[in-house]
Amino acid sequence: MEQQLTLLLPNSPKGANNVEILEYASLPSSSSSSSSSTSTHSHRTFVKFFVYFFLMFFAYYFIISSFTISPNLPDSASGNVSSANCDLFTGDWIPDPSGPLYTNLSCHHIQDFQNCLMNGRPDVNYLFWRWKPRDCDLPRFTPSQFLHTVKNKWLAFIGDSIARNHVQSLICILSQVEEVVEIYHDKEFRSKIWRFPSHNF
């Protein structure tokens, strides 16, 4: 079915017919068109969110959950209260005569401006402390066990200089088992990638 559209041309020259009749095929109304467009956009948005949350779930399931290690709970004979729900964030710093897992002498990944001892700090007592959760015992970090756990995986630290400090500390500890290789850095050395070859980590 066709419809007629009348256009009035007020500025047309004298003698010219100032009415034009255009015939065009019947088109869907603008309301139904915008409704269809809105429906399509909503559907696409829903699909995007669904895919996003689906991928986040699998990332958590296959990557993050594999790093969950239950702390060793002390037995009741030790006098400490055992708890299946150990809060690793509630505890105290206690003296640790065994000392740190690395120092500025054993790790060359510490940058000079971060090297407390080289820059004149006179005491070393701050090195002999460890974190002790109140309701459970946190086992000492074992670099060989960690590298075995993360074999053939990636681990990303995203953040500021605090995240960089965490990366350097982890590298210092793991380098006792295998020397790390830096395989990438950007022009400003802000983004880096290291690899432990024999563990493909």
Protein backbone atom coordinates (compact mmCIF):
# COMPACT_ATOMS: atom_id res chain seq x y z
CA MET A 1 0.00 0.00 0.00
CA GLU A 2 1.39 3.40 -0.93
CA GLN A 3 0.88 6.73 0.79
CA GLN A 4 1.13 10.28 -0.51
CA LEU A 5 3.32 12.97 1.00
CA THR A 6 2.64 16.57 0.10
CA LEU A 7 5.54 19.06 0.23
CA LEU A 8 4.83 22.78 0.10
CA LEU A 9 7.64 24.79 -1.49
CA PRO A 10 7.04 28.40 -0.44
CA ASN A 11 10.20 29.83 -2.07
CA SER A 12 9.64 28.33 -5.51
CA PRO A 13 9.78 30.67 -8.58
CA LYS A 14 6.64 32.33 -9.90
CA GLY A 15 4.58 30.22 -12.14
CA ALA A 16 5.99 27.00 -10.75
CA ASN A 17 3.70 24.59 -9.08
CA ASN A 18 4.47 24.90 -5.39
CA VAL A 19 3.05 21.54 -4.49
CA GLU A 20 4.90 18.30 -5.02
CA ILE A 21 3.31 14.95 -4.38
CA LEU A 22 5.65 12.15 -3.52
CA GLU A 23 4.58 8.58 -3.45
CA TYR A 24 6.46 6.18 -1.25
CA ALA A 25 5.99 2.74 0.09
CA SER A 26 4.43 2.41 3.48
CA LEU A 27 7.20 2.26 6.13
CA PRO A 28 7.04 1.17 9.76
CA SER A 29 6.22 3.98 12.14
CA SER A 30 9.12 5.66 13.96
CA SER A 31 7.80 4.44 17.30
CA SER A 32 7.93 0.80 16.25
CA SER A 33 11.37 1.34 14.67
CA SER A 34 12.81 2.91 17.82
CA SER A 35 11.16 0.20 19.90
CA SER A 36 12.84 -2.48 17.79
CA SER A 37 16.19 -0.68 18.04
CA THR A 38 15.90 -0.37 21.82
CA SER A 39 15.00 -4.05 22.11
CA THR A 40 18.02 -5.06 20.01
CA HIS A 41 20.34 -2.83 22.07
CA SER A 42 18.99 -4.27 25.34
CA HIS A 43 19.47 -7.80 24.04
CA ARG A 44 23.08 -7.08 23.06
CA THR A 45 23.80 -5.50 26.45
CA PHE A 46 22.37 -8.54 28.24
CA VAL A 47 24.50 -10.90 26.13
CA LYS A 48 27.64 -8.85 26.84
CA PHE A 49 27.03 -8.92 30.60
CA PHE A 50 26.27 -12.64 30.51
CA VAL A 51 29.49 -13.42 28.62
CA TYR A 52 31.49 -11.13 30.96
CA PHE A 53 30.25 -12.79 34.16
CA PHE A 54 30.60 -16.24 32.58
CA LEU A 55 34.27 -15.54 31.81
CA MET A 56 34.86 -14.06 35.28
CA PHE A 57 33.41 -17.21 36.87
CA PHE A 58 35.73 -19.48 34.88
CA ALA A 59 38.72 -17.22 35.60
CA TYR A 60 38.00 -17.54 39.31
CA TYR A 61 37.37 -21.28 39.11
CA PHE A 62 40.46 -22.20 37.09
CA ILE A 63 42.97 -19.56 38.21
CA ILE A 64 42.18 -17.90 41.52
CA SER A 65 40.79 -20.97 43.28
CA SER A 66 43.93 -22.95 42.40
CA PHE A 67 45.95 -20.59 44.61
CA THR A 68 43.85 -21.26 47.70
CA ILE A 69 45.99 -23.05 50.26
CA SER A 70 44.50 -23.92 53.60
CA PRO A 71 46.79 -22.90 56.44
CA ASN A 72 48.04 -25.62 58.78
CA LEU A 73 45.98 -25.45 61.91
CA PRO A 74 47.78 -26.22 65.14
CA ASP A 75 46.53 -29.20 67.11
CA SER A 76 44.79 -28.59 70.40
CA ALA A 77 47.78 -30.04 72.30
CA SER A 78 49.79 -26.92 71.48
CA GLY A 79 47.45 -24.83 73.60
CA ASN A 80 46.23 -22.76 70.66
CA VAL A 81 42.59 -22.74 69.69
CA SER A 82 42.05 -24.45 66.34
CA SER A 83 39.55 -22.93 63.99
CA ALA A 84 38.35 -24.16 60.62
CA ASN A 85 37.62 -20.53 59.72
CA CYS A 86 41.08 -19.03 60.06
CA ASP A 87 41.24 -15.28 59.50
CA LEU A 88 44.67 -14.63 58.02
CA PHE A 89 44.23 -10.88 58.41
CA THR A 90 43.74 -10.86 62.19
CA GLY A 91 46.96 -11.53 64.04
CA ASP A 92 50.21 -10.12 65.37
CA TRP A 93 53.81 -9.65 64.36
CA ILE A 94 55.94 -11.97 66.47
CA PRO A 95 59.73 -12.43 66.71
CA ASP A 96 61.18 -14.92 64.24
CA PRO A 97 64.80 -15.91 64.93
CA SER A 98 65.00 -17.82 61.64
CA GLY A 99 65.16 -14.50 59.80
CA PRO A 100 63.90 -13.44 56.37
CA LEU A 101 63.70 -15.59 53.25
CA TYR A 102 66.08 -13.16 51.48
CA THR A 103 68.14 -10.03 52.12
CA ASN A 104 69.67 -7.33 49.97
CA LEU A 105 72.83 -9.48 49.89
CA SER A 106 71.10 -12.60 48.57
CA CYS A 107 68.83 -10.93 46.00
CA HIS A 108 70.09 -8.69 43.19
CA HIS A 109 66.54 -7.77 42.10
CA ILE A 110 66.31 -5.13 44.84
CA GLN A 111 66.95 -1.71 43.31
CA ASP A 112 69.58 0.50 44.93
CA PHE A 113 67.11 3.13 46.12
CA GLN A 114 65.15 0.38 47.92
CA ASN A 115 68.20 -1.12 49.59
CA CYS A 116 67.86 -0.12 53.26
CA LEU A 117 71.16 -1.60 54.43
CA MET A 118 73.19 -0.18 51.56
CA ASN A 119 71.64 3.25 52.16
CA GLY A 120 72.76 3.32 55.78
CA ARG A 121 70.06 1.77 57.95
CA PRO A 122 72.05 0.73 61.03
CA ASP A 123 69.80 -1.96 62.55
CA VAL A 124 68.70 -5.35 61.23
CA ASN A 125 66.18 -6.20 63.94
CA TYR A 126 63.25 -5.42 61.61
CA LEU A 127 64.21 -8.48 59.55
CA PHE A 128 63.44 -10.94 62.35
CA TRP A 129 59.65 -10.78 62.55
CA ARG A 130 56.85 -12.80 61.00
CA TRP A 131 53.07 -12.53 60.78
CA LYS A 132 51.14 -14.90 63.06
CA PRO A 133 47.34 -15.22 62.60
CA ARG A 134 45.66 -15.53 65.98
CA ASP A 135 43.61 -18.68 65.42
CA CYS A 136 45.93 -20.71 63.22
CA ASP A 137 49.51 -21.12 62.13
CA LEU A 138 50.74 -19.73 58.84
CA PRO A 139 53.38 -22.07 57.40
CA ARG A 140 56.66 -20.63 56.19
CA PHE A 141 56.63 -19.88 52.49
CA THR A 142 58.24 -22.63 50.42
CA PRO A 143 59.41 -21.35 47.01
CA SER A 144 59.77 -24.82 45.45
CA GLN A 145 56.21 -25.76 46.44
CA PHE A 146 54.88 -22.45 45.10
CA LEU A 147 56.62 -22.89 41.74
CA HIS A 148 55.23 -26.40 41.49
CA THR A 149 51.71 -25.05 42.16
CA VAL A 150 51.91 -22.31 39.52
CA LYS A 151 53.61 -24.41 36.84
CA ASN A 152 52.34 -23.53 33.33
CA LYS A 153 50.39 -20.54 34.69
CA TRP A 154 50.51 -16.73 34.69
CA LEU A 155 50.34 -14.44 37.70
CA ALA A 156 49.76 -10.70 37.25
CA PHE A 157 50.43 -7.88 39.71
CA ILE A 158 48.53 -4.76 38.68
CA GLY A 159 48.95 -1.58 40.66
CA ASP A 160 51.41 1.05 41.82
CA SER A 161 54.80 0.89 43.53
CA ILE A 162 53.40 -1.32 46.31
CA ALA A 163 52.50 -3.96 43.71
CA ARG A 164 56.00 -3.58 42.28
CA ASN A 165 57.47 -4.23 45.73
CA HIS A 166 55.38 -7.41 45.99
CA VAL A 167 56.62 -8.58 42.59
CA GLN A 168 60.25 -7.95 43.52
CA SER A 169 59.85 -9.71 46.85
CA LEU A 170 58.28 -12.78 45.21
CA ILE A 171 61.03 -12.85 42.58
CA CYS A 172 63.71 -12.64 45.29
CA ILE A 173 62.19 -15.65 47.06
CA LEU A 174 61.55 -17.77 43.96
CA SER A 175 64.99 -17.04 42.50
CA GLN A 176 66.45 -19.23 45.24
CA VAL A 177 64.98 -22.19 43.33
CA GLU A 178 65.39 -20.99 39.76
CA GLU A 179 66.79 -17.77 38.33
CA VAL A 180 64.11 -15.66 36.71
CA VAL A 181 64.47 -14.25 33.18
CA GLU A 182 63.07 -10.85 32.22
CA ILE A 183 61.47 -11.32 28.79
CA TYR A 184 59.71 -7.97 28.28
CA HIS A 185 59.58 -4.38 29.44
CA ASP A 186 58.00 -1.26 28.00
CA LYS A 187 59.97 1.90 27.12
CA GLU A 188 59.57 3.37 30.61
CA PHE A 189 60.23 0.07 32.43
CA ARG A 190 56.85 0.35 34.15
CA SER A 191 55.45 -2.87 32.75
CA LYS A 192 57.59 -5.99 32.85
CA ILE A 193 57.23 -9.71 32.28
CA TRP A 194 59.47 -12.32 33.90
CA ARG A 195 59.57 -16.04 33.31
CA PHE A 196 60.80 -19.07 35.21
CA PRO A 197 61.73 -21.27 32.23
CA SER A 198 61.76 -24.76 33.72
CA HIS A 199 58.35 -24.17 35.33
CA ASN A 200 56.89 -22.25 32.38
CA PHE A 201 55.63 -19.71 34.90
